[in-house]
C-alpha atoms as a PDB file:
ATOM      1  CA  UNK A   1      69.400 -69.897 189.107  1.00  0.00           C
ATOM      2  CA  UNK A   2      67.187 -66.877 188.818  1.00  0.00           C
ATOM      3  CA  UNK A   3      66.194 -67.802 185.250  1.00  0.00           C
ATOM      4  CA  UNK A   4      65.134 -71.289 186.371  1.00  0.00           C
ATOM      5  CA  UNK A   5      62.855 -69.892 189.038  1.00  0.00           C
ATOM      6  CA  UNK A   6      61.402 -67.494 186.509  1.00  0.00           C
ATOM      7  CA  UNK A   7      60.620 -70.328 184.097  1.00  0.00           C
ATOM      8  CA  UNK A   8      58.943 -72.286 186.837  1.00  0.00           C
ATOM      9  CA  UNK A   9      56.765 -69.358 187.763  1.00  0.00           C
ATOM     10  CA  UNK A  10      55.811 -68.840 184.135  1.00  0.00           C
ATOM     11  CA  UNK A  11      54.859 -72.531 183.773  1.00  0.00           C
ATOM     12  CA  UNK A  12      52.733 -72.391 186.850  1.00  0.00           C
ATOM     13  CA  UNK A  13      50.733 -69.454 185.517  1.00  0.00           C
ATOM     14  CA  UNK A  14      50.652 -70.826 181.969  1.00  0.00           C
ATOM     15  CA  UNK A  15      49.049 -74.078 183.186  1.00  0.00           C
ATOM     16  CA  UNK A  16      45.909 -72.222 184.259  1.00  0.00           C
ATOM     17  CA  UNK A  17      45.250 -71.177 180.654  1.00  0.00           C
ATOM     18  CA  UNK A  18      45.860 -74.564 178.986  1.00  0.00           C
ATOM     19  CA  UNK A  19      43.132 -76.188 176.963  1.00  0.00           C
ATOM     20  CA  UNK A  20      40.498 -74.762 174.630  1.00  0.00           C
ATOM     21  CA  UNK A  21      39.637 -71.802 176.839  1.00  0.00           C
ATOM     22  CA  UNK A  22      40.085 -68.507 175.030  1.00  0.00           C
ATOM     23  CA  UNK A  23      39.157 -65.223 176.629  1.00  0.00           C
ATOM     24  CA  UNK A  24      38.336 -62.450 174.220  1.00  0.00           C
ATOM     25  CA  UNK A  25      38.791 -59.138 176.021  1.00  0.00           C
ATOM     26  CA  UNK A  26      37.457 -57.231 173.075  1.00  0.00           C
ATOM     27  CA  UNK A  27      34.186 -59.171 173.089  1.00  0.00           C
ATOM     28  CA  UNK A  28      33.680 -58.279 176.731  1.00  0.00           C
ATOM     29  CA  UNK A  29      33.288 -54.613 175.832  1.00  0.00           C
ATOM     30  CA  UNK A  30      31.749 -54.959 172.388  1.00  0.00           C
ATOM     31  CA  UNK A  31      28.200 -53.661 172.177  1.00  0.00           C
ATOM     32  CA  UNK A  32      26.128 -53.391 169.018  1.00  0.00           C
ATOM     33  CA  UNK A  33      23.552 -50.693 168.288  1.00  0.00           C
ATOM     34  CA  UNK A  34      20.734 -52.875 169.568  1.00  0.00           C
ATOM     35  CA  UNK A  35      22.470 -53.302 172.924  1.00  0.00           C
ATOM     36  CA  UNK A  36      23.049 -49.560 173.172  1.00  0.00           C
ATOM     37  CA  UNK A  37      19.430 -48.815 172.319  1.00  0.00           C
ATOM     38  CA  UNK A  38      18.156 -51.311 174.894  1.00  0.00           C
ATOM     39  CA  UNK A  39      20.503 -49.916 177.544  1.00  0.00           C
ATOM     40  CA  UNK A  40      19.585 -46.300 176.847  1.00  0.00           C
ATOM     41  CA  UNK A  41      15.898 -47.160 176.736  1.00  0.00           C
ATOM     42  CA  UNK A  42      16.132 -49.004 180.051  1.00  0.00           C
ATOM     43  CA  UNK A  43      18.223 -46.232 181.623  1.00  0.00           C
ATOM     44  CA  UNK A  44      15.819 -43.552 180.395  1.00  0.00           C
ATOM     45  CA  UNK A  45      12.865 -45.571 181.622  1.00  0.00           C
ATOM     46  CA  UNK A  46      14.415 -45.842 185.085  1.00  0.00           C
ATOM     47  CA  UNK A  47      15.155 -42.110 185.162  1.00  0.00           C
ATOM     48  CA  UNK A  48      11.629 -41.257 184.054  1.00  0.00           C
ATOM     49  CA  UNK A  49      10.254 -43.580 186.701  1.00  0.00           C
ATOM     50  CA  UNK A  50      12.344 -41.861 189.380  1.00  0.00           C
ATOM     51  CA  UNK A  51      11.330 -38.407 188.144  1.00  0.00           C
ATOM     52  CA  UNK A  52       7.679 -39.450 188.076  1.00  0.00           C
ATOM     53  CA  UNK A  53       7.908 -40.758 191.636  1.00  0.00           C
ATOM     54  CA  UNK A  54       9.590 -37.503 192.704  1.00  0.00           C
ATOM     55  CA  UNK A  55       6.867 -35.411 191.035  1.00  0.00           C
ATOM     56  CA  UNK A  56       4.161 -37.496 192.684  1.00  0.00           C
ATOM     57  CA  UNK A  57       5.888 -37.132 196.054  1.00  0.00           C
ATOM     58  CA  UNK A  58       6.168 -33.347 195.658  1.00  0.00           C
ATOM     59  CA  UNK A  59       2.519 -33.129 194.609  1.00  0.00           C
ATOM     60  CA  UNK A  60       1.474 -35.105 197.673  1.00  0.00           C
ATOM     61  CA  UNK A  61       3.532 -32.836 199.936  1.00  0.00           C
ATOM     62  CA  UNK A  62       2.068 -29.779 198.217  1.00  0.00           C
ATOM     63  CA  UNK A  63      -1.484 -31.082 198.651  1.00  0.00           C
ATOM     64  CA  UNK A  64      -0.878 -31.815 202.335  1.00  0.00           C
ATOM     65  CA  UNK A  65       0.517 -28.311 202.901  1.00  0.00           C
ATOM     66  CA  UNK A  66      -2.360 -26.738 201.007  1.00  0.00           C
ATOM     67  CA  UNK A  67      -4.933 -28.738 203.000  1.00  0.00           C
ATOM     68  CA  UNK A  68      -3.249 -27.665 206.239  1.00  0.00           C
ATOM     69  CA  UNK A  69      -3.243 -24.004 205.224  1.00  0.00           C
ATOM     70  CA  UNK A  70      -6.838 -24.231 203.970  1.00  0.00           C
ATOM     71  CA  UNK A  71      -7.932 -25.635 207.336  1.00  0.00           C
ATOM     72  CA  UNK A  72      -6.239 -22.741 209.144  1.00  0.00           C
ATOM     73  CA  UNK A  73      -7.848 -20.279 206.731  1.00  0.00           C
ATOM     74  CA  UNK A  74     -11.276 -21.865 207.289  1.00  0.00           C
ATOM     75  CA  UNK A  75     -10.931 -21.830 211.077  1.00  0.00           C
ATOM     76  CA  UNK A  76      -9.682 -18.261 211.095  1.00  0.00           C
ATOM     77  CA  UNK A  77     -12.426 -17.086 208.779  1.00  0.00           C
ATOM     78  CA  UNK A  78     -15.200 -18.462 210.947  1.00  0.00           C
ATOM     79  CA  UNK A  79     -13.640 -17.413 214.229  1.00  0.00           C
ATOM     80  CA  UNK A  80     -12.930 -20.924 215.481  1.00  0.00           C
ATOM     81  CA  UNK A  81      -9.331 -19.906 216.074  1.00  0.00           C
ATOM     82  CA  UNK A  82      -9.472 -17.043 218.539  1.00  0.00           C
ATOM     83  CA  UNK A  83      -7.710 -13.744 217.878  1.00  0.00           C
ATOM     84  CA  UNK A  84      -7.595 -12.975 221.603  1.00  0.00           C
ATOM     85  CA  UNK A  85      -3.831 -13.437 221.556  1.00  0.00           C
ATOM     86  CA  UNK A  86      -3.517 -10.424 219.262  1.00  0.00           C
ATOM     87  CA  UNK A  87      -2.590  -7.335 221.338  1.00  0.00           C
ATOM     88  CA  UNK A  88      -4.623  -4.149 221.219  1.00  0.00           C
ATOM     89  CA  UNK A  89      -1.957  -2.519 219.077  1.00  0.00           C
ATOM     90  CA  UNK A  90       0.558  -4.122 216.746  1.00  0.00           C
ATOM     91  CA  UNK A  91       3.340  -2.363 214.859  1.00  0.00           C
ATOM     92  CA  UNK A  92       4.688  -3.658 211.559  1.00  0.00           C
ATOM     93  CA  UNK A  93       7.683  -2.458 209.579  1.00  0.00           C
ATOM     94  CA  UNK A  94       7.627  -3.117 205.844  1.00  0.00           C
ATOM     95  CA  UNK A  95      10.965  -2.748 204.080  1.00  0.00           C
ATOM     96  CA  UNK A  96      11.348  -2.721 200.324  1.00  0.00           C
ATOM     97  CA  UNK A  97      14.901  -2.976 199.046  1.00  0.00           C
ATOM     98  CA  UNK A  98      16.324  -1.625 195.810  1.00  0.00           C
ATOM     99  CA  UNK A  99      17.328  -3.719 192.807  1.00  0.00           C
ATOM    100  CA  UNK A 100      20.561  -4.812 194.482  1.00  0.00           C
ATOM    101  CA  UNK A 101      18.787  -5.612 197.755  1.00  0.00           C
ATOM    102  CA  UNK A 102      21.123  -3.245 199.548  1.00  0.00           C
ATOM    103  CA  UNK A 103      19.266  -0.023 200.358  1.00  0.00           C
ATOM    104  CA  UNK A 104      15.803   0.181 201.888  1.00  0.00           C
ATOM    105  CA  UNK A 105      14.130   2.551 199.455  1.00  0.00           C
ATOM    106  CA  UNK A 106      10.669   1.891 200.900  1.00  0.00           C
ATOM    107  CA  UNK A 107       9.949   2.015 204.626  1.00  0.00           C
ATOM    108  CA  UNK A 108       6.422   1.847 206.013  1.00  0.00           C
ATOM    109  CA  UNK A 109       5.626   1.833 209.718  1.00  0.00           C
ATOM    110  CA  UNK A 110       2.156   0.312 210.022  1.00  0.00           C
ATOM    111  CA  UNK A 111       0.059   0.194 213.192  1.00  0.00           C
ATOM    112  CA  UNK A 112      -3.021  -2.001 213.562  1.00  0.00           C
ATOM    113  CA  UNK A 113      -5.465  -1.033 216.312  1.00  0.00           C
ATOM    114  CA  UNK A 114      -7.577  -4.018 217.287  1.00  0.00           C
ATOM    115  CA  UNK A 115     -10.178  -1.980 219.178  1.00  0.00           C
ATOM    116  CA  UNK A 116     -11.235   0.301 216.320  1.00  0.00           C
ATOM    117  CA  UNK A 117     -10.028  -1.921 213.463  1.00  0.00           C
ATOM    118  CA  UNK A 118      -7.980   0.856 211.900  1.00  0.00           C
ATOM    119  CA  UNK A 119      -4.626   0.722 210.190  1.00  0.00           C
ATOM    120  CA  UNK A 120      -2.194   3.616 210.240  1.00  0.00           C
ATOM    121  CA  UNK A 121       0.531   3.641 207.589  1.00  0.00           C
ATOM    122  CA  UNK A 122       3.373   6.098 208.113  1.00  0.00           C
ATOM    123  CA  UNK A 123       5.833   6.264 205.240  1.00  0.00           C
ATOM    124  CA  UNK A 124       9.401   7.101 206.170  1.00  0.00           C
ATOM    125  CA  UNK A 125      11.155   8.936 203.306  1.00  0.00           C
ATOM    126  CA  UNK A 126      14.331   7.182 202.263  1.00  0.00           C
ATOM    127  CA  UNK A 127      16.291  10.438 202.645  1.00  0.00           C
ATOM    128  CA  UNK A 128      15.343  10.779 206.330  1.00  0.00           C
ATOM    129  CA  UNK A 129      18.475  11.922 208.160  1.00  0.00           C
ATOM    130  CA  UNK A 130      19.404   9.822 211.200  1.00  0.00           C
ATOM    131  CA  UNK A 131      22.380   9.418 213.526  1.00  0.00           C
ATOM    132  CA  UNK A 132      23.412   5.925 214.586  1.00  0.00           C
ATOM    133  CA  UNK A 133      24.837   5.143 218.021  1.00  0.00           C
ATOM    134  CA  UNK A 134      28.433   4.075 218.701  1.00  0.00           C
ATOM    135  CA  UNK A 135      27.641   0.344 218.894  1.00  0.00           C
ATOM    136  CA  UNK A 136      25.849   0.384 215.543  1.00  0.00           C
ATOM    137  CA  UNK A 137      28.656   2.382 213.957  1.00  0.00           C
ATOM    138  CA  UNK A 138      31.284  -0.128 215.107  1.00  0.00           C
ATOM    139  CA  UNK A 139      29.252  -2.987 213.623  1.00  0.00           C
ATOM    140  CA  UNK A 140      29.092  -1.084 210.340  1.00  0.00           C
ATOM    141  CA  UNK A 141      32.872  -0.838 210.299  1.00  0.00           C
ATOM    142  CA  UNK A 142      33.133  -4.635 210.256  1.00  0.00           C
ATOM    143  CA  UNK A 143      31.882  -4.569 206.665  1.00  0.00           C
ATOM    144  CA  UNK A 144      32.830  -1.005 205.741  1.00  0.00           C
ATOM    145  CA  UNK A 145      35.996   0.205 207.536  1.00  0.00           C
ATOM    146  CA  UNK A 146      35.173   3.815 206.626  1.00  0.00           C
ATOM    147  CA  UNK A 147      31.379   4.230 206.488  1.00  0.00           C
ATOM    148  CA  UNK A 148      31.807   7.969 206.947  1.00  0.00           C
ATOM    149  CA  UNK A 149      29.841  10.090 209.382  1.00  0.00           C
ATOM    150  CA  UNK A 150      27.527   8.555 211.976  1.00  0.00           C
ATOM    151  CA  UNK A 151      24.792  10.725 210.476  1.00  0.00           C
ATOM    152  CA  UNK A 152      23.374   9.360 207.235  1.00  0.00           C
ATOM    153  CA  UNK A 153      20.236   8.779 205.205  1.00  0.00           C
ATOM    154  CA  UNK A 154      18.111   6.038 206.712  1.00  0.00           C
ATOM    155  CA  UNK A 155      18.120   3.963 203.514  1.00  0.00           C
ATOM    156  CA  UNK A 156      21.903   3.505 203.821  1.00  0.00           C
ATOM    157  CA  UNK A 157      21.718   2.074 207.356  1.00  0.00           C
ATOM    158  CA  UNK A 158      20.693  -1.312 205.981  1.00  0.00           C
ATOM    159  CA  UNK A 159      23.411  -1.066 203.332  1.00  0.00           C
ATOM    160  CA  UNK A 160      26.231  -0.466 205.826  1.00  0.00           C
ATOM    161  CA  UNK A 161      24.855  -3.164 208.137  1.00  0.00           C
ATOM    162  CA  UNK A 162      25.278  -5.775 205.436  1.00  0.00           C
ATOM    163  CA  UNK A 163      23.608  -9.176 205.420  1.00  0.00           C
ATOM    164  CA  UNK A 164      24.500  -9.870 209.040  1.00  0.00           C
ATOM    165  CA  UNK A 165      23.286  -6.680 210.720  1.00  0.00           C
ATOM    166  CA  UNK A 166      21.290  -4.798 208.073  1.00  0.00           C
ATOM    167  CA  UNK A 167      17.760  -5.719 209.157  1.00  0.00           C
ATOM    168  CA  UNK A 168      18.609  -5.502 212.854  1.00  0.00           C
ATOM    169  CA  UNK A 169      20.043  -2.003 212.386  1.00  0.00           C
ATOM    170  CA  UNK A 170      17.167  -0.613 210.352  1.00  0.00           C
ATOM    171  CA  UNK A 171      14.615  -2.002 212.826  1.00  0.00           C
ATOM    172  CA  UNK A 172      16.509  -0.444 215.745  1.00  0.00           C
ATOM    173  CA  UNK A 173      16.791   2.882 213.934  1.00  0.00           C
ATOM    174  CA  UNK A 174      13.076   2.981 213.115  1.00  0.00           C
ATOM    175  CA  UNK A 175      12.214   2.204 216.743  1.00  0.00           C
ATOM    176  CA  UNK A 176      14.360   5.140 217.896  1.00  0.00           C
ATOM    177  CA  UNK A 177      12.874   7.406 215.242  1.00  0.00           C
ATOM    178  CA  UNK A 178       9.243   6.488 215.964  1.00  0.00           C
ATOM    179  CA  UNK A 179       9.573   5.983 219.710  1.00  0.00           C
ATOM    180  CA  UNK A 180       7.666   2.699 219.334  1.00  0.00           C
ATOM    181  CA  UNK A 181       8.583  -0.977 219.234  1.00  0.00           C
ATOM    182  CA  UNK A 182       8.480  -2.915 215.978  1.00  0.00           C
ATOM    183  CA  UNK A 183       6.551  -6.135 216.672  1.00  0.00           C
ATOM    184  CA  UNK A 184       6.877  -7.650 213.212  1.00  0.00           C
ATOM    185  CA  UNK A 185       9.007  -6.769 210.228  1.00  0.00           C
ATOM    186  CA  UNK A 186       9.137  -7.997 206.653  1.00  0.00           C
ATOM    187  CA  UNK A 187      11.771  -7.266 204.035  1.00  0.00           C
ATOM    188  CA  UNK A 188      10.995  -7.981 200.406  1.00  0.00           C
ATOM    189  CA  UNK A 189      12.850  -7.273 197.190  1.00  0.00           C
ATOM    190  CA  UNK A 190      11.291  -6.368 193.868  1.00  0.00           C
ATOM    191  CA  UNK A 191      11.346  -9.968 192.621  1.00  0.00           C
ATOM    192  CA  UNK A 192       9.090 -10.976 195.502  1.00  0.00           C
ATOM    193  CA  UNK A 193       6.997  -7.824 195.074  1.00  0.00           C
ATOM    194  CA  UNK A 194       6.261  -8.680 191.438  1.00  0.00           C
ATOM    195  CA  UNK A 195       5.516 -12.279 192.364  1.00  0.00           C
ATOM    196  CA  UNK A 196       2.975 -11.262 195.024  1.00  0.00           C
ATOM    197  CA  UNK A 197       1.152  -8.850 192.707  1.00  0.00           C
ATOM    198  CA  UNK A 198       1.009 -11.403 189.887  1.00  0.00           C
ATOM    199  CA  UNK A 199      -0.145 -14.155 192.257  1.00  0.00           C
ATOM    200  CA  UNK A 200      -3.230 -12.182 193.312  1.00  0.00           C
ATOM    201  CA  UNK A 201      -4.127 -11.343 189.723  1.00  0.00           C
ATOM    202  CA  UNK A 202      -2.905  -7.756 189.704  1.00  0.00           C
ATOM    203  CA  UNK A 203      -4.213  -4.622 191.401  1.00  0.00           C
ATOM    204  CA  UNK A 204      -6.695  -2.161 189.926  1.00  0.00           C
ATOM    205  CA  UNK A 205      -5.257   1.313 190.369  1.00  0.00           C
ATOM    206  CA  UNK A 206      -5.572   4.796 188.921  1.00  0.00           C
ATOM    207  CA  UNK A 207      -2.146   5.905 187.701  1.00  0.00           C
ATOM    208  CA  UNK A 208      -2.126   9.649 188.532  1.00  0.00           C
ATOM    209  CA  UNK A 209      -0.031  10.766 185.548  1.00  0.00           C
ATOM    210  CA  UNK A 210       1.980   9.537 182.600  1.00  0.00           C
ATOM    211  CA  UNK A 211       5.215   8.028 183.867  1.00  0.00           C
ATOM    212  CA  UNK A 212       8.238   7.756 181.611  1.00  0.00           C
ATOM    213  CA  UNK A 213      11.769   7.070 182.810  1.00  0.00           C
ATOM    214  CA  UNK A 214      14.716   4.927 181.750  1.00  0.00           C
ATOM    215  CA  UNK A 215      17.841   4.058 183.723  1.00  0.00           C
ATOM    216  CA  UNK A 216      19.887   1.182 182.237  1.00  0.00           C
ATOM    217  CA  UNK A 217      22.233   1.244 185.233  1.00  0.00           C
ATOM    218  CA  UNK A 218      19.361   0.208 187.528  1.00  0.00           C
ATOM    219  CA  UNK A 219      17.771  -2.002 184.859  1.00  0.00           C
ATOM    220  CA  UNK A 220      14.759   0.283 185.171  1.00  0.00           C
ATOM    221  CA  UNK A 221      12.412   1.142 182.320  1.00  0.00           C
ATOM    222  CA  UNK A 222       9.192   2.894 183.362  1.00  0.00           C
ATOM    223  CA  UNK A 223       6.431   3.491 180.836  1.00  0.00           C
ATOM    224  CA  UNK A 224       2.929   3.931 182.302  1.00  0.00           C
ATOM    225  CA  UNK A 225      -0.052   5.907 181.061  1.00  0.00           C
ATOM    226  CA  UNK A 226      -2.409   7.908 183.249  1.00  0.00           C
ATOM    227  CA  UNK A 227      -5.714   6.236 184.015  1.00  0.00           C
ATOM    228  CA  UNK A 228      -7.483   3.368 185.760  1.00  0.00           C
ATOM    229  CA  UNK A 229      -5.940   0.000 184.928  1.00  0.00           C
ATOM    230  CA  UNK A 230      -5.034  -3.374 186.354  1.00  0.00           C
ATOM    231  CA  UNK A 231      -1.344  -3.375 187.190  1.00  0.00           C
ATOM    232  CA  UNK A 232       0.571  -6.628 187.001  1.00  0.00           C
ATOM    233  CA  UNK A 233       3.778  -7.175 188.952  1.00  0.00           C
ATOM    234  CA  UNK A 234       6.059  -5.436 186.469  1.00  0.00           C
ATOM    235  CA  UNK A 235       3.758  -2.431 186.061  1.00  0.00           C
ATOM    236  CA  UNK A 236       3.268  -2.144 189.831  1.00  0.00           C
ATOM    237  CA  UNK A 237       7.043  -2.088 190.285  1.00  0.00           C
ATOM    238  CA  UNK A 238       7.304   0.755 187.779  1.00  0.00           C
ATOM    239  CA  UNK A 239       4.608   2.668 189.670  1.00  0.00           C
ATOM    240  CA  UNK A 240       6.197   2.426 193.122  1.00  0.00           C
ATOM    241  CA  UNK A 241       9.713   3.167 191.859  1.00  0.00           C
ATOM    242  CA  UNK A 242       8.850   6.240 189.809  1.00  0.00           C
ATOM    243  CA  UNK A 243       9.947   9.537 191.372  1.00  0.00           C
ATOM    244  CA  UNK A 244      11.603  11.851 188.849  1.00  0.00           C
ATOM    245  CA  UNK A 245       8.392  13.373 187.471  1.00  0.00           C
ATOM    246  CA  UNK A 246       6.878  14.540 190.752  1.00  0.00           C
ATOM    247  CA  UNK A 247       7.180  18.163 191.802  1.00  0.00           C
ATOM    248  CA  UNK A 248       8.265  17.077 195.281  1.00  0.00           C
ATOM    249  CA  UNK A 249      10.290  14.059 194.078  1.00  0.00           C
ATOM    250  CA  UNK A 250      10.505  11.373 196.761  1.00  0.00           C
ATOM    251  CA  UNK A 251       7.536  12.705 198.750  1.00  0.00           C
ATOM    252  CA  UNK A 252       5.386  12.363 195.631  1.00  0.00           C
ATOM    253  CA  UNK A 253       6.484   8.777 195.255  1.00  0.00           C
ATOM    254  CA  UNK A 254       5.721   8.103 198.921  1.00  0.00           C
ATOM    255  CA  UNK A 255       2.159   9.353 198.440  1.00  0.00           C
ATOM    256  CA  UNK A 256       1.575   7.056 195.439  1.00  0.00           C
ATOM    257  CA  UNK A 257       3.074   4.113 197.332  1.00  0.00           C
ATOM    258  CA  UNK A 258       0.623   4.725 200.178  1.00  0.00           C
ATOM    259  CA  UNK A 259      -2.353   4.842 197.812  1.00  0.00           C
ATOM    260  CA  UNK A 260      -1.205   1.639 196.155  1.00  0.00           C
ATOM    261  CA  UNK A 261      -0.851  -0.050 199.551  1.00  0.00           C
ATOM    262  CA  UNK A 262      -4.440   0.903 200.402  1.00  0.00           C
ATOM    263  CA  UNK A 263      -5.644  -0.542 197.113  1.00  0.00           C
ATOM    264  CA  UNK A 264      -3.653  -3.724 197.678  1.00  0.00           C
ATOM    265  CA  UNK A 265      -5.075  -4.301 201.170  1.00  0.00           C
ATOM    266  CA  UNK A 266      -8.674  -3.595 200.182  1.00  0.00           C
ATOM    267  CA  UNK A 267      -8.539  -5.741 197.026  1.00  0.00           C
ATOM    268  CA  UNK A 268      -6.633  -8.774 198.272  1.00  0.00           C
ATOM    269  CA  UNK A 269      -7.384  -9.312 201.954  1.00  0.00           C
ATOM    270  CA  UNK A 270     -11.167  -9.679 201.896  1.00  0.00           C
ATOM    271  CA  UNK A 271     -12.221 -12.973 203.480  1.00  0.00           C
ATOM    272  CA  UNK A 272     -14.551 -13.742 200.600  1.00  0.00           C
ATOM    273  CA  UNK A 273     -11.727 -13.574 198.073  1.00  0.00           C
ATOM    274  CA  UNK A 274      -9.404 -15.722 200.152  1.00  0.00           C
ATOM    275  CA  UNK A 275     -12.055 -18.400 200.730  1.00  0.00           C
ATOM    276  CA  UNK A 276     -13.219 -18.406 197.112  1.00  0.00           C
ATOM    277  CA  UNK A 277      -9.732 -18.863 195.712  1.00  0.00           C
ATOM    278  CA  UNK A 278      -7.286 -20.070 198.387  1.00  0.00           C
ATOM    279  CA  UNK A 279      -4.949 -21.444 195.719  1.00  0.00           C
ATOM    280  CA  UNK A 280      -3.885 -17.923 194.768  1.00  0.00           C
ATOM    281  CA  UNK A 281      -2.861 -17.168 198.339  1.00  0.00           C
ATOM    282  CA  UNK A 282      -1.222 -20.565 198.637  1.00  0.00           C
ATOM    283  CA  UNK A 283       1.103 -19.494 195.814  1.00  0.00           C
ATOM    284  CA  UNK A 284       2.171 -16.497 197.881  1.00  0.00           C
ATOM    285  CA  UNK A 285       2.497 -18.525 201.076  1.00  0.00           C
ATOM    286  CA  UNK A 286       4.568 -21.112 199.198  1.00  0.00           C
ATOM    287  CA  UNK A 287       7.156 -18.367 198.689  1.00  0.00           C
ATOM    288  CA  UNK A 288       6.834 -17.146 202.268  1.00  0.00           C
ATOM    289  CA  UNK A 289      10.309 -18.397 203.167  1.00  0.00           C
ATOM    290  CA  UNK A 290      11.737 -15.954 200.629  1.00  0.00           C
ATOM    291  CA  UNK A 291      10.516 -13.038 202.730  1.00  0.00           C
ATOM    292  CA  UNK A 292      12.916 -12.038 205.493  1.00  0.00           C
ATOM    293  CA  UNK A 293      10.630 -11.661 208.487  1.00  0.00           C
ATOM    294  CA  UNK A 294      10.241 -12.460 212.167  1.00  0.00           C
ATOM    295  CA  UNK A 295       6.541 -13.267 211.721  1.00  0.00           C
ATOM    296  CA  UNK A 296       5.603 -16.934 211.642  1.00  0.00           C
ATOM    297  CA  UNK A 297       3.214 -18.320 209.044  1.00  0.00           C
ATOM    298  CA  UNK A 298       0.377 -18.538 211.572  1.00  0.00           C
ATOM    299  CA  UNK A 299       0.961 -14.907 212.614  1.00  0.00           C
ATOM    300  CA  UNK A 300       0.821 -13.835 208.975  1.00  0.00           C
ATOM    301  CA  UNK A 301      -2.438 -15.716 208.385  1.00  0.00           C
ATOM    302  CA  UNK A 302      -3.998 -14.397 211.584  1.00  0.00           C
ATOM    303  CA  UNK A 303      -3.302 -10.761 210.775  1.00  0.00           C
ATOM    304  CA  UNK A 304      -4.305 -11.257 207.149  1.00  0.00           C
ATOM    305  CA  UNK A 305      -7.758 -12.237 208.342  1.00  0.00           C
ATOM    306  CA  UNK A 306      -7.949  -9.501 210.926  1.00  0.00           C
ATOM    307  CA  UNK A 307      -7.260  -7.052 208.111  1.00  0.00           C
ATOM    308  CA  UNK A 308      -9.560  -8.914 205.738  1.00  0.00           C
ATOM    309  CA  UNK A 309     -12.451  -6.882 204.413  1.00  0.00           C
ATOM    310  CA  UNK A 310     -11.226  -3.668 205.996  1.00  0.00           C
ATOM    311  CA  UNK A 311     -12.778  -0.537 204.548  1.00  0.00           C
ATOM    312  CA  UNK A 312     -10.343   1.857 202.909  1.00  0.00           C
ATOM    313  CA  UNK A 313     -11.808   4.587 205.133  1.00  0.00           C
ATOM    314  CA  UNK A 314     -10.193   2.756 208.054  1.00  0.00           C
ATOM    315  CA  UNK A 315      -6.754   2.935 206.471  1.00  0.00           C
ATOM    316  CA  UNK A 316      -4.973   6.148 207.390  1.00  0.00           C
ATOM    317  CA  UNK A 317      -1.852   7.107 205.459  1.00  0.00           C
ATOM    318  CA  UNK A 318       0.622   9.870 206.106  1.00  0.00           C
ATOM    319  CA  UNK A 319       4.260  10.765 205.682  1.00  0.00           C
ATOM    320  CA  UNK A 320       6.648  11.040 208.591  1.00  0.00           C
ATOM    321  CA  UNK A 321       6.442  14.651 209.824  1.00  0.00           C
ATOM    322  CA  UNK A 322       9.469  16.669 208.792  1.00  0.00           C
ATOM    323  CA  UNK A 323      10.967  18.954 206.178  1.00  0.00           C
ATOM    324  CA  UNK A 324      13.367  18.656 203.229  1.00  0.00           C
ATOM    325  CA  UNK A 325      16.804  20.129 203.847  1.00  0.00           C
ATOM    326  CA  UNK A 326      20.488  19.905 202.896  1.00  0.00           C
ATOM    327  CA  UNK A 327      23.283  18.307 204.891  1.00  0.00           C
ATOM    328  CA  UNK A 328      26.870  17.810 203.772  1.00  0.00           C
ATOM    329  CA  UNK A 329      25.953  18.810 200.246  1.00  0.00           C
ATOM    330  CA  UNK A 330      23.140  16.309 199.843  1.00  0.00           C
ATOM    331  CA  UNK A 331      19.366  16.496 199.883  1.00  0.00           C
ATOM    332  CA  UNK A 332      17.947  15.017 203.094  1.00  0.00           C
ATOM    333  CA  UNK A 333      14.716  14.905 205.086  1.00  0.00           C
ATOM    334  CA  UNK A 334      14.791  16.153 208.687  1.00  0.00           C
ATOM    335  CA  UNK A 335      12.216  14.431 210.898  1.00  0.00           C
ATOM    336  CA  UNK A 336      10.143  16.527 213.320  1.00  0.00           C
ATOM    337  CA  UNK A 337      10.501  14.642 216.618  1.00  0.00           C
ATOM    338  CA  UNK A 338       7.790  16.607 218.443  1.00  0.00           C
ATOM    339  CA  UNK A 339       5.271  16.050 215.663  1.00  0.00           C
ATOM    340  CA  UNK A 340       6.102  12.332 215.580  1.00  0.00           C
ATOM    341  CA  UNK A 341       5.292  12.006 219.280  1.00  0.00           C
ATOM    342  CA  UNK A 342       1.944  13.689 218.710  1.00  0.00           C
ATOM    343  CA  UNK A 343       1.016  11.002 216.187  1.00  0.00           C
ATOM    344  CA  UNK A 344       0.718   8.439 218.964  1.00  0.00           C
ATOM    345  CA  UNK A 345      -0.869  10.567 221.682  1.00  0.00           C
END
């Protein structure tokens, strides 16, 4: 009984294939070299077309952004966008992180005075000894259960704060140290530093002495000769990181960093240079999102033009008042609180 039903089912399905119809499954998937060539050529053509459209789209977006920025630059340069919103005094904190992006090896507290057009740059030595409050210490313990004493070098505050709290902690600590608010901050690493210097065509600078140092652990190889020269991004990084050959070590490096900052401002922020070659500055602005900062693009442009063309005589540089010392077996820098207050009186 079961066999009979099976035969009937087989006949039913066999009937649908009766006649001259033959289906060659192999032929369905056979493809000669010509077919493959035509397919690949068509596929490649479609991909190239898509890539071309994408490149065109990106170029259009880039042109639109550049036009927008150029308009802002033009309006700022000729005073058609008012700078009245800029307060009489603005404080900036510039943070430069080490190769790992962990410790803030460069800290500059910069004050712009709108009334007299002067800039004050106070370098904070990385070994400056500070004491964090209880709340900050507890936040540090979230990433580092045993960060050690609440007193530490200021460059390790950012390290113990980690990605979540690092910038917030270093800004707070600088505000306590200086007794002033930080209006804008910017944190850059050495990759961005090199990019900025290269984008503006390098900086002419007199290297004060021969500089030779090698540290494979930090991927650092410094080899500069004394004399006036145009430093590209890599050479500028070597200059600002060099410290071992100075008689006063880190303080010597701080002094050179300040002189380089003065040269950078005077050579790159003149209105004539920005207007004559806005594309160079567009390259820097295009990477603006890679700078960790609380300053918007318009703020950055506004202050760039306020600082544009500033005479180096109006740029005052100094090191945070204090003295080298030893704490817990390590070399530190003890800030002079009274002298710091006098800086702003």
